[in-house]
Amino acid sequence: MQKIFNDAVKKAGIRKDVSVQSLCHSFATHLLESGTDLRYIQELLGHKSSKTTEIYTYMSNKDIGKIKSPLD
């Protein structure tokens, strides 16, 4: 799998340091940003501990901007 991934990275002209784990991280991040519950993501990734999955819950500026104050 690693060789196929490396070949695809070269063919795509990606110069950034990426790995198969990058795909996992991207998958989980996209699911989380689209509103998928963290517990489902944990199951899909096969993590035994929710703490492992929680690394994907970092905050981004675009998400913070979407938060509405109950006082507004």
C-alpha atoms as a PDB file:
ATOM      1  CA  MET A   1       0.000   0.000   0.000  1.00  0.00           C
ATOM      2  CA  GLN A   2       2.839   2.389   0.880  1.00  0.00           C
ATOM      3  CA  LYS A   3       4.451   1.929  -2.555  1.00  0.00           C
ATOM      4  CA  ILE A   4       1.173   2.579  -4.366  1.00  0.00           C
ATOM      5  CA  PHE A   5       0.634   5.666  -2.210  1.00  0.00           C
ATOM      6  CA  ASN A   6       4.166   6.948  -2.882  1.00  0.00           C
ATOM      7  CA  ASP A   7       3.737   6.417  -6.635  1.00  0.00           C
ATOM      8  CA  ALA A   8       0.429   8.311  -6.576  1.00  0.00           C
ATOM      9  CA  VAL A   9       2.016  11.188  -4.627  1.00  0.00           C
ATOM     10  CA  LYS A  10       4.797  11.449  -7.236  1.00  0.00           C
ATOM     11  CA  LYS A  11       2.342  11.295 -10.154  1.00  0.00           C
ATOM     12  CA  ALA A  12       0.221  14.011  -8.543  1.00  0.00           C
ATOM     13  CA  GLY A  13       3.273  16.225  -8.151  1.00  0.00           C
ATOM     14  CA  ILE A  14       2.780  16.598  -4.415  1.00  0.00           C
ATOM     15  CA  ARG A  15       5.948  17.959  -2.859  1.00  0.00           C
ATOM     16  CA  LYS A  16       4.637  18.091   0.686  1.00  0.00           C
ATOM     17  CA  ASP A  17       5.707  15.400   3.157  1.00  0.00           C
ATOM     18  CA  VAL A  18       2.644  13.112   3.245  1.00  0.00           C
ATOM     19  CA  SER A  19       1.955   9.544   4.313  1.00  0.00           C
ATOM     20  CA  VAL A  20      -0.838   7.004   4.294  1.00  0.00           C
ATOM     21  CA  GLN A  21      -1.663   8.356   7.754  1.00  0.00           C
ATOM     22  CA  SER A  22      -2.299  11.724   6.078  1.00  0.00           C
ATOM     23  CA  LEU A  23      -5.240  10.090   4.276  1.00  0.00           C
ATOM     24  CA  CYS A  24      -6.637   8.874   7.591  1.00  0.00           C
ATOM     25  CA  HIS A  25      -6.244  12.311   9.111  1.00  0.00           C
ATOM     26  CA  SER A  26      -7.911  14.008   6.123  1.00  0.00           C
ATOM     27  CA  PHE A  27     -10.780  11.501   6.153  1.00  0.00           C
ATOM     28  CA  ALA A  28     -11.448  12.040   9.856  1.00  0.00           C
ATOM     29  CA  THR A  29     -11.126  15.818   9.593  1.00  0.00           C
ATOM     30  CA  HIS A  30     -13.577  16.024   6.687  1.00  0.00           C
ATOM     31  CA  LEU A  31     -16.079  13.829   8.527  1.00  0.00           C
ATOM     32  CA  LEU A  32     -15.796  15.947  11.645  1.00  0.00           C
ATOM     33  CA  GLU A  33     -16.149  19.219   9.726  1.00  0.00           C
ATOM     34  CA  SER A  34     -19.271  17.893   8.003  1.00  0.00           C
ATOM     35  CA  GLY A  35     -20.865  17.189  11.381  1.00  0.00           C
ATOM     36  CA  THR A  36     -20.229  13.478  11.875  1.00  0.00           C
ATOM     37  CA  ASP A  37     -20.318  12.483  15.522  1.00  0.00           C
ATOM     38  CA  LEU A  38     -16.892  11.814  17.009  1.00  0.00           C
ATOM     39  CA  ARG A  39     -18.014   8.372  18.242  1.00  0.00           C
ATOM     40  CA  TYR A  40     -18.775   7.269  14.661  1.00  0.00           C
ATOM     41  CA  ILE A  41     -15.397   8.529  13.499  1.00  0.00           C
ATOM     42  CA  GLN A  42     -13.776   6.568  16.332  1.00  0.00           C
ATOM     43  CA  GLU A  43     -15.486   3.394  15.113  1.00  0.00           C
ATOM     44  CA  LEU A  44     -14.572   4.003  11.467  1.00  0.00           C
ATOM     45  CA  LEU A  45     -10.913   4.546  12.328  1.00  0.00           C
ATOM     46  CA  GLY A  46     -10.809   1.561  14.685  1.00  0.00           C
ATOM     47  CA  HIS A  47      -9.627   3.567  17.670  1.00  0.00           C
ATOM     48  CA  LYS A  48     -10.126   1.818  20.998  1.00  0.00           C
ATOM     49  CA  SER A  49      -9.886   5.049  22.959  1.00  0.00           C
ATOM     50  CA  SER A  50     -11.888   8.195  22.238  1.00  0.00           C
ATOM     51  CA  LYS A  51      -8.794  10.131  23.345  1.00  0.00           C
ATOM     52  CA  THR A  52      -7.006   8.946  20.199  1.00  0.00           C
ATOM     53  CA  THR A  53      -9.830  10.243  18.011  1.00  0.00           C
ATOM     54  CA  GLU A  54      -9.993  13.563  19.850  1.00  0.00           C
ATOM     55  CA  ILE A  55      -6.817  14.755  18.105  1.00  0.00           C
ATOM     56  CA  TYR A  56      -9.099  15.611  15.163  1.00  0.00           C
ATOM     57  CA  THR A  57     -11.125  18.077  17.213  1.00  0.00           C
ATOM     58  CA  TYR A  58      -8.700  20.952  16.825  1.00  0.00           C
ATOM     59  CA  MET A  59     -10.396  24.285  16.292  1.00  0.00           C
ATOM     60  CA  SER A  60     -10.145  26.161  13.051  1.00  0.00           C
ATOM     61  CA  ASN A  61     -10.864  29.836  12.571  1.00  0.00           C
ATOM     62  CA  LYS A  62     -13.614  29.152  10.047  1.00  0.00           C
ATOM     63  CA  ASP A  63     -15.481  26.978  12.549  1.00  0.00           C
ATOM     64  CA  ILE A  64     -15.110  29.518  15.348  1.00  0.00           C
ATOM     65  CA  GLY A  65     -16.652  32.164  13.090  1.00  0.00           C
ATOM     66  CA  LYS A  66     -19.795  30.045  12.673  1.00  0.00           C
ATOM     67  CA  ILE A  67     -20.574  30.020  16.393  1.00  0.00           C
ATOM     68  CA  LYS A  68     -23.568  32.199  17.203  1.00  0.00           C
ATOM     69  CA  SER A  69     -23.755  33.897  20.563  1.00  0.00           C
ATOM     70  CA  PRO A  70     -27.027  33.290  22.424  1.00  0.00           C
ATOM     71  CA  LEU A  71     -26.862  36.971  23.367  1.00  0.00           C
ATOM     72  CA  ASP A  72     -27.094  38.153  19.741  1.00  0.00           C
END
